[in-house]
Amino acid sequence: MAHFDSHISTGEARELLNRLELLTLYHDEWLSAFIRAIVCDEPLQSDFFSDDAHVTCRFGHWLDHEIHESLRQAPIVCDIRLIHRSMHKAYRQLFLAWQQNRRLSAAEYDEANVKKTAFQLSVSTLQFMVYDYLFQVDPLTKTLNRTKLLSTLERERNRISETGELSAIVMVDIDYFKKINDTYGHVVGDAVLLQVALFLSSSLRPMDIIFRYGGEEFLVYLPGTGEKEAVAVLERIRANLADNRIMIDSGREIHITASFGATLLDPNMEIAHSIEKADQALYKAKQEGRNLVVWLD
C-alpha cells in the first residue's frame, strides 16, 4: 500500500485498527460532551478548553506517545496530527465565545464542524490504508500476496506497452523445501520462508516488487530490466543466498539454495502467459540440478 509503512506486522496492524476504533469513539464522546455543555450550559473540565487539549485528550496522547514508531512520521499520520490540533483550536474558540457570553456566529460553528469532518475523514483514510495493507500482504513473509500480484502486473503491462520499457518477472523456488519441513518441522520451515523473503528484499532495488506466489515460491518483478541485467542480478542473489546459512533453534544452521526462472513481461500477452513462461524457466532450472538461474525468451 502506498505511503503505509509495512515494517509493522500484521498483528500490529490489527491492533492499530482496534486502537483507532476505540480512540475515535472516545473522541466522539469528548465532542458530544463539549457540545452538550455549551448547549445545556453545564460546567466543563479544563481539558476541554486548554491550549494543549489536542495533547491531553486520549487521541492526542496516543499520537504523541503510543503510536508505532515506524508510523510516527508517515504522511497520513502527520496530516492527522495537524488536523486534530486545528480541530481542537476551532472548538476552543467556540468555548471562549460561549464563556464570554458572546453569540456564536454561523461561520465559527461551520469552521469547527468542517475541521471535525476533516479529522474524521483523515482517520478513516488511515483505517482504509491499514485494511488495504492487511488485504494485500502475506502475513508470514510480509511480501505482497497473489491478490495484489495480478493487479500490479496488469498495471505494469499497460505501462510498458506504452513506454516500450523492458521489465522482467522471476519465479523463485526454495530448493528441497519439503525436506526442510519434514526434517525440522513447519515452524522452522516458516522461519526459512521469512528469512528468504527478507534476503530477497535486501538484495533488490526499492522499485522491485516481491510477491508470495504460494508454498515456497515467490514471484519477483524487476521493472526496467532486460535479460542481461536481470540474469546478472539473479546470479548475484543466487550465489549470495547459497553462501549464507540460516540460523534456527539451538544455534543450528541450515544451508539454503533457490532456483530462479525468468522471462520478460510481455505487454502483448495476458499476464498468465508471462507467469507461465517464467514457471517453465523455473521448471527447467529444477530439472537441470537446482540452484540455477534460467532465462526463457
Protein backbone atom coordinates (compact mmCIF):
# COMPACT_ATOMS: atom_id res chain seq x y z
CA MET A 1 0.00 0.00 0.00
CA ALA A 2 1.38 3.36 -0.97
CA HIS A 3 2.68 5.51 1.91
CA PHE A 4 1.95 2.88 4.55
CA ASP A 5 4.97 1.51 6.41
CA SER A 6 4.88 -2.25 6.06
CA HIS A 7 7.56 -2.69 8.75
CA ILE A 8 4.73 -3.22 11.19
CA SER A 9 3.50 -6.77 11.47
CA THR A 10 0.01 -7.85 10.50
CA GLY A 11 -0.71 -8.37 14.20
CA GLU A 12 0.38 -4.80 14.92
CA ALA A 13 -1.78 -3.60 12.02
CA ARG A 14 -4.84 -5.32 13.50
CA GLU A 15 -4.04 -3.83 16.90
CA LEU A 16 -3.78 -0.42 15.23
CA LEU A 17 -7.26 -0.83 13.77
CA ASN A 18 -8.68 -1.79 17.16
CA ARG A 19 -6.94 1.16 18.79
CA LEU A 20 -8.19 3.62 16.17
CA GLU A 21 -11.75 2.41 16.59
CA LEU A 22 -11.61 2.86 20.36
CA LEU A 23 -9.88 6.24 20.18
CA THR A 24 -12.33 7.66 17.66
CA LEU A 25 -15.16 6.51 19.92
CA TYR A 26 -13.54 8.34 22.84
CA HIS A 27 -13.13 11.42 20.69
CA ASP A 28 -16.76 11.37 19.55
CA GLU A 29 -17.82 11.15 23.19
CA TRP A 30 -15.48 14.03 24.03
CA LEU A 31 -17.05 16.24 21.36
CA SER A 32 -20.58 15.25 22.37
CA ALA A 33 -19.84 16.23 25.98
CA PHE A 34 -18.36 19.53 24.78
CA ILE A 35 -21.40 20.45 22.70
CA ARG A 36 -23.81 19.30 25.42
CA ALA A 37 -22.08 21.55 27.96
CA ILE A 38 -22.40 24.58 25.70
CA VAL A 39 -26.00 23.91 24.68
CA CYS A 40 -27.16 22.97 28.18
CA ASP A 41 -24.93 25.48 30.00
CA GLU A 42 -23.13 22.80 32.01
CA PRO A 43 -19.63 23.09 33.52
CA LEU A 44 -16.66 21.83 31.52
CA GLN A 45 -13.44 20.28 32.73
CA SER A 46 -10.31 22.25 31.91
CA ASP A 47 -9.02 19.65 29.45
CA PHE A 48 -11.84 20.59 27.09
CA PHE A 49 -10.67 24.15 26.51
CA SER A 50 -7.00 24.32 27.48
CA ASP A 51 -4.35 25.37 24.97
CA ASP A 52 -2.95 21.84 24.95
CA ALA A 53 -6.26 19.97 24.74
CA HIS A 54 -5.06 18.39 21.50
CA VAL A 55 -2.23 16.79 23.52
CA THR A 56 -4.09 15.83 26.67
CA CYS A 57 -7.07 14.15 25.00
CA ARG A 58 -6.73 10.39 24.56
CA PHE A 59 -6.29 10.61 20.81
CA GLY A 60 -3.61 13.29 21.12
CA HIS A 61 -1.76 11.32 23.78
CA TRP A 62 -1.76 8.27 21.52
CA LEU A 63 -0.44 10.31 18.58
CA ASP A 64 2.42 11.73 20.61
CA HIS A 65 3.36 8.83 22.85
CA GLU A 66 1.86 5.49 21.85
CA ILE A 67 1.72 5.22 18.06
CA HIS A 68 4.10 2.69 16.47
CA GLU A 69 7.49 4.33 15.90
CA SER A 70 7.60 3.45 12.20
CA LEU A 71 4.29 5.28 11.65
CA ARG A 72 5.10 8.42 13.61
CA GLN A 73 6.32 10.35 10.56
CA ALA A 74 4.07 8.71 7.98
CA PRO A 75 2.43 11.39 5.78
CA ILE A 76 -1.11 10.38 6.73
CA VAL A 77 -0.25 10.46 10.45
CA CYS A 78 1.36 13.89 10.10
CA ASP A 79 -1.82 15.08 8.38
CA ILE A 80 -3.97 13.68 11.17
CA ARG A 81 -1.80 15.37 13.79
CA LEU A 82 -2.19 18.79 12.13
CA ILE A 83 -5.92 18.40 11.51
CA HIS A 84 -6.50 17.15 15.05
CA ARG A 85 -4.74 20.18 16.51
CA SER A 86 -6.62 22.55 14.20
CA MET A 87 -9.94 20.99 15.17
CA HIS A 88 -9.22 21.42 18.88
CA LYS A 89 -8.27 25.04 18.28
CA ALA A 90 -11.56 25.69 16.47
CA TYR A 91 -13.60 24.14 19.27
CA ARG A 92 -11.66 26.12 21.84
CA GLN A 93 -12.73 29.29 20.03
CA LEU A 94 -16.34 28.15 20.35
CA PHE A 95 -15.80 27.63 24.06
CA LEU A 96 -14.24 31.06 24.56
CA ALA A 97 -17.15 32.72 22.77
CA TRP A 98 -19.60 30.81 24.95
CA GLN A 99 -17.60 31.64 28.10
CA GLN A 100 -17.71 35.35 27.24
CA ASN A 101 -21.47 35.19 26.62
CA ARG A 102 -20.82 36.18 23.03
CA ARG A 103 -23.22 34.99 20.38
CA LEU A 104 -21.63 32.31 18.20
CA SER A 105 -21.55 33.10 14.52
CA ALA A 106 -22.56 30.52 11.95
CA ALA A 107 -19.10 30.88 10.39
CA GLU A 108 -17.39 29.92 13.66
CA TYR A 109 -19.58 26.89 14.10
CA ASP A 110 -19.18 25.84 10.46
CA GLU A 111 -15.40 26.13 10.70
CA ALA A 112 -15.30 23.85 13.73
CA ASN A 113 -17.66 21.39 12.07
CA VAL A 114 -15.61 21.31 8.85
CA LYS A 115 -12.46 20.60 10.84
CA LYS A 116 -14.21 17.87 12.78
CA THR A 117 -15.27 16.26 9.49
CA ALA A 118 -11.73 16.60 8.10
CA PHE A 119 -10.39 14.87 11.21
CA GLN A 120 -12.87 12.01 10.88
CA LEU A 121 -12.07 11.60 7.18
CA SER A 122 -8.31 11.57 7.79
CA VAL A 123 -8.66 8.88 10.45
CA SER A 124 -10.92 6.88 8.12
CA THR A 125 -8.24 7.18 5.43
CA LEU A 126 -5.64 5.69 7.78
CA GLN A 127 -8.04 2.88 8.68
CA PHE A 128 -8.62 2.17 4.98
CA MET A 129 -4.86 2.09 4.37
CA VAL A 130 -4.39 -0.42 7.18
CA TYR A 131 -7.22 -2.62 5.88
CA ASP A 132 -5.69 -2.46 2.40
CA TYR A 133 -2.31 -3.43 3.82
CA LEU A 134 -3.81 -6.44 5.60
CA PHE A 135 -5.66 -7.45 2.44
CA GLN A 136 -2.62 -7.39 0.17
CA VAL A 137 0.24 -8.58 2.41
CA ASP A 138 1.20 -12.17 3.15
CA PRO A 139 1.14 -12.40 6.96
CA LEU A 140 4.17 -14.70 7.20
CA THR A 141 6.70 -13.20 4.81
CA LYS A 142 5.39 -9.59 4.74
CA THR A 143 5.61 -9.69 0.95
CA LEU A 144 2.66 -8.85 -1.27
CA ASN A 145 0.24 -11.70 -1.88
CA ARG A 146 -1.34 -13.10 -5.04
CA THR A 147 -4.35 -10.82 -4.68
CA LYS A 148 -2.06 -7.85 -5.28
CA LEU A 149 0.06 -9.64 -7.89
CA LEU A 150 -2.38 -9.65 -10.80
CA SER A 151 -3.48 -6.04 -10.41
CA THR A 152 0.14 -4.87 -10.12
CA LEU A 153 1.36 -6.81 -13.15
CA GLU A 154 -1.65 -5.74 -15.21
CA ARG A 155 -0.92 -2.12 -14.40
CA GLU A 156 2.74 -2.64 -15.33
CA ARG A 157 1.83 -4.46 -18.54
CA ASN A 158 -0.27 -1.48 -19.63
CA ARG A 159 2.53 0.91 -18.73
CA ILE A 160 5.28 -0.87 -20.64
CA SER A 161 3.02 -1.33 -23.65
CA GLU A 162 3.02 2.47 -23.91
CA THR A 163 6.65 3.14 -22.98
CA GLY A 164 8.34 0.17 -24.65
CA GLU A 165 10.32 -0.45 -21.47
CA LEU A 166 11.68 -3.93 -20.82
CA SER A 167 10.71 -5.50 -17.50
CA ALA A 168 11.34 -8.98 -16.13
CA ILE A 169 9.34 -11.35 -13.98
CA VAL A 170 11.07 -14.07 -11.98
CA MET A 171 9.80 -17.20 -10.28
CA VAL A 172 11.88 -18.14 -7.23
CA ASP A 173 11.58 -21.53 -5.55
CA ILE A 174 13.41 -22.64 -2.40
CA ASP A 175 15.19 -25.90 -3.20
CA TYR A 176 14.23 -29.01 -1.23
CA PHE A 177 11.80 -27.06 0.93
CA LYS A 178 9.64 -30.13 1.61
CA LYS A 179 12.70 -31.86 3.06
CA ILE A 180 13.26 -28.87 5.36
CA ASN A 181 9.68 -29.11 6.61
CA ASP A 182 9.90 -32.87 7.04
CA THR A 183 13.24 -32.71 8.84
CA TYR A 184 12.87 -29.66 11.06
CA GLY A 185 9.12 -29.07 11.19
CA HIS A 186 6.83 -26.35 9.89
CA VAL A 187 7.94 -23.76 12.43
CA VAL A 188 11.45 -23.88 11.02
CA GLY A 189 10.00 -24.01 7.51
CA ASP A 190 8.11 -20.80 8.18
CA ALA A 191 11.28 -19.20 9.56
CA VAL A 192 13.13 -20.17 6.37
CA LEU A 193 10.40 -18.61 4.21
CA LEU A 194 10.61 -15.38 6.16
CA GLN A 195 14.41 -15.28 6.04
CA VAL A 196 14.45 -15.89 2.28
CA ALA A 197 11.86 -13.14 1.78
CA LEU A 198 13.98 -10.74 3.83
CA PHE A 199 17.09 -11.77 1.93
CA LEU A 200 15.40 -11.12 -1.42
CA SER A 201 14.12 -7.77 -0.23
CA SER A 202 17.54 -6.66 0.98
CA SER A 203 19.13 -7.78 -2.30
CA LEU A 204 16.79 -5.89 -4.64
CA ARG A 205 16.14 -2.26 -5.52
CA PRO A 206 13.37 -0.28 -3.82
CA MET A 207 11.43 -0.28 -7.10
CA ASP A 208 11.47 -4.10 -7.39
CA ILE A 209 8.44 -5.94 -6.05
CA ILE A 210 8.27 -9.32 -4.29
CA PHE A 211 5.10 -11.43 -4.11
CA ARG A 212 4.44 -14.62 -2.18
CA TYR A 213 3.19 -16.81 -5.01
CA GLY A 214 2.38 -19.88 -2.94
CA GLY A 215 4.11 -22.52 -0.83
CA GLU A 216 7.85 -21.97 -1.12
CA GLU A 217 7.56 -19.89 -4.30
CA PHE A 218 7.99 -16.15 -4.74
CA LEU A 219 7.45 -14.03 -7.83
CA VAL A 220 9.74 -11.04 -8.28
CA TYR A 221 9.01 -8.18 -10.66
CA LEU A 222 12.01 -6.21 -11.98
CA PRO A 223 10.84 -3.06 -13.78
CA GLY A 224 13.12 -1.50 -16.37
CA THR A 225 15.23 -4.66 -16.54
CA GLY A 226 16.11 -6.66 -19.64
CA GLU A 227 17.61 -10.13 -19.94
CA LYS A 228 21.29 -9.28 -19.45
CA GLU A 229 20.78 -7.15 -16.35
CA ALA A 230 18.16 -9.48 -14.87
CA VAL A 231 20.34 -12.57 -15.21
CA ALA A 232 23.30 -10.74 -13.65
CA VAL A 233 21.19 -9.60 -10.69
CA LEU A 234 19.66 -13.04 -10.18
CA GLU A 235 23.02 -14.80 -10.39
CA ARG A 236 24.35 -12.50 -7.69
CA ILE A 237 21.34 -13.17 -5.47
CA ARG A 238 21.50 -16.92 -6.11
CA ALA A 239 25.20 -17.11 -5.25
CA ASN A 240 24.88 -14.95 -2.13
CA LEU A 241 21.94 -16.99 -0.88
CA ALA A 242 23.87 -20.22 -1.41
CA ASP A 243 26.79 -18.79 0.60
CA ASN A 244 24.54 -17.87 3.52
CA ARG A 245 23.42 -20.05 6.40
CA ILE A 246 20.07 -19.57 8.09
CA MET A 247 20.22 -19.86 11.86
CA ILE A 248 17.49 -21.92 13.51
CA ASP A 249 16.89 -23.03 17.09
CA SER A 250 19.76 -24.00 19.40
CA GLY A 251 22.33 -22.42 17.13
CA ARG A 252 21.82 -24.89 14.29
CA GLU A 253 22.25 -23.65 10.75
CA ILE A 254 20.51 -24.62 7.51
CA HIS A 255 22.08 -24.32 4.09
CA ILE A 256 19.54 -22.87 1.66
CA THR A 257 19.61 -22.58 -2.11
CA ALA A 258 16.98 -21.46 -4.58
CA SER A 259 16.18 -21.87 -8.25
CA PHE A 260 15.22 -18.95 -10.49
CA GLY A 261 13.17 -18.90 -13.69
CA ALA A 262 12.90 -15.58 -15.52
CA THR A 263 11.43 -14.01 -18.63
CA LEU A 264 10.23 -10.65 -19.90
CA LEU A 265 6.79 -9.38 -19.02
CA ASP A 266 5.11 -9.47 -22.43
CA PRO A 267 2.94 -6.38 -22.99
CA ASN A 268 1.11 -8.10 -25.83
CA MET A 269 0.04 -11.20 -23.93
CA GLU A 270 -2.10 -11.95 -20.91
CA ILE A 271 -0.32 -11.82 -17.55
CA ALA A 272 -0.88 -15.55 -17.10
CA HIS A 273 1.17 -16.21 -20.25
CA SER A 274 4.24 -14.42 -18.88
CA ILE A 275 3.90 -16.11 -15.49
CA GLU A 276 3.62 -19.48 -17.21
CA LYS A 277 6.80 -18.81 -19.19
CA ALA A 278 8.69 -17.85 -16.01
CA ASP A 279 7.35 -21.01 -14.40
CA GLN A 280 8.64 -23.06 -17.35
CA ALA A 281 12.06 -21.48 -16.87
CA LEU A 282 11.92 -22.38 -13.18
CA TYR A 283 10.98 -25.97 -14.02
CA LYS A 284 14.00 -26.15 -16.33
CA ALA A 285 16.25 -24.85 -13.54
CA LYS A 286 14.91 -27.58 -11.26
CA GLN A 287 15.39 -30.26 -13.90
CA GLU A 288 18.96 -29.19 -14.55
CA GLY A 289 20.02 -29.59 -10.93
CA ARG A 290 18.55 -26.68 -8.93
CA ASN A 291 20.42 -23.66 -7.54
CA LEU A 292 20.38 -22.22 -11.05
CA VAL A 293 19.11 -19.19 -12.97
CA VAL A 294 17.33 -19.97 -16.24
CA TRP A 295 16.05 -17.35 -18.68
CA LEU A 296 13.45 -18.08 -21.36
CA ASP A 297 12.82 -15.70 -24.28
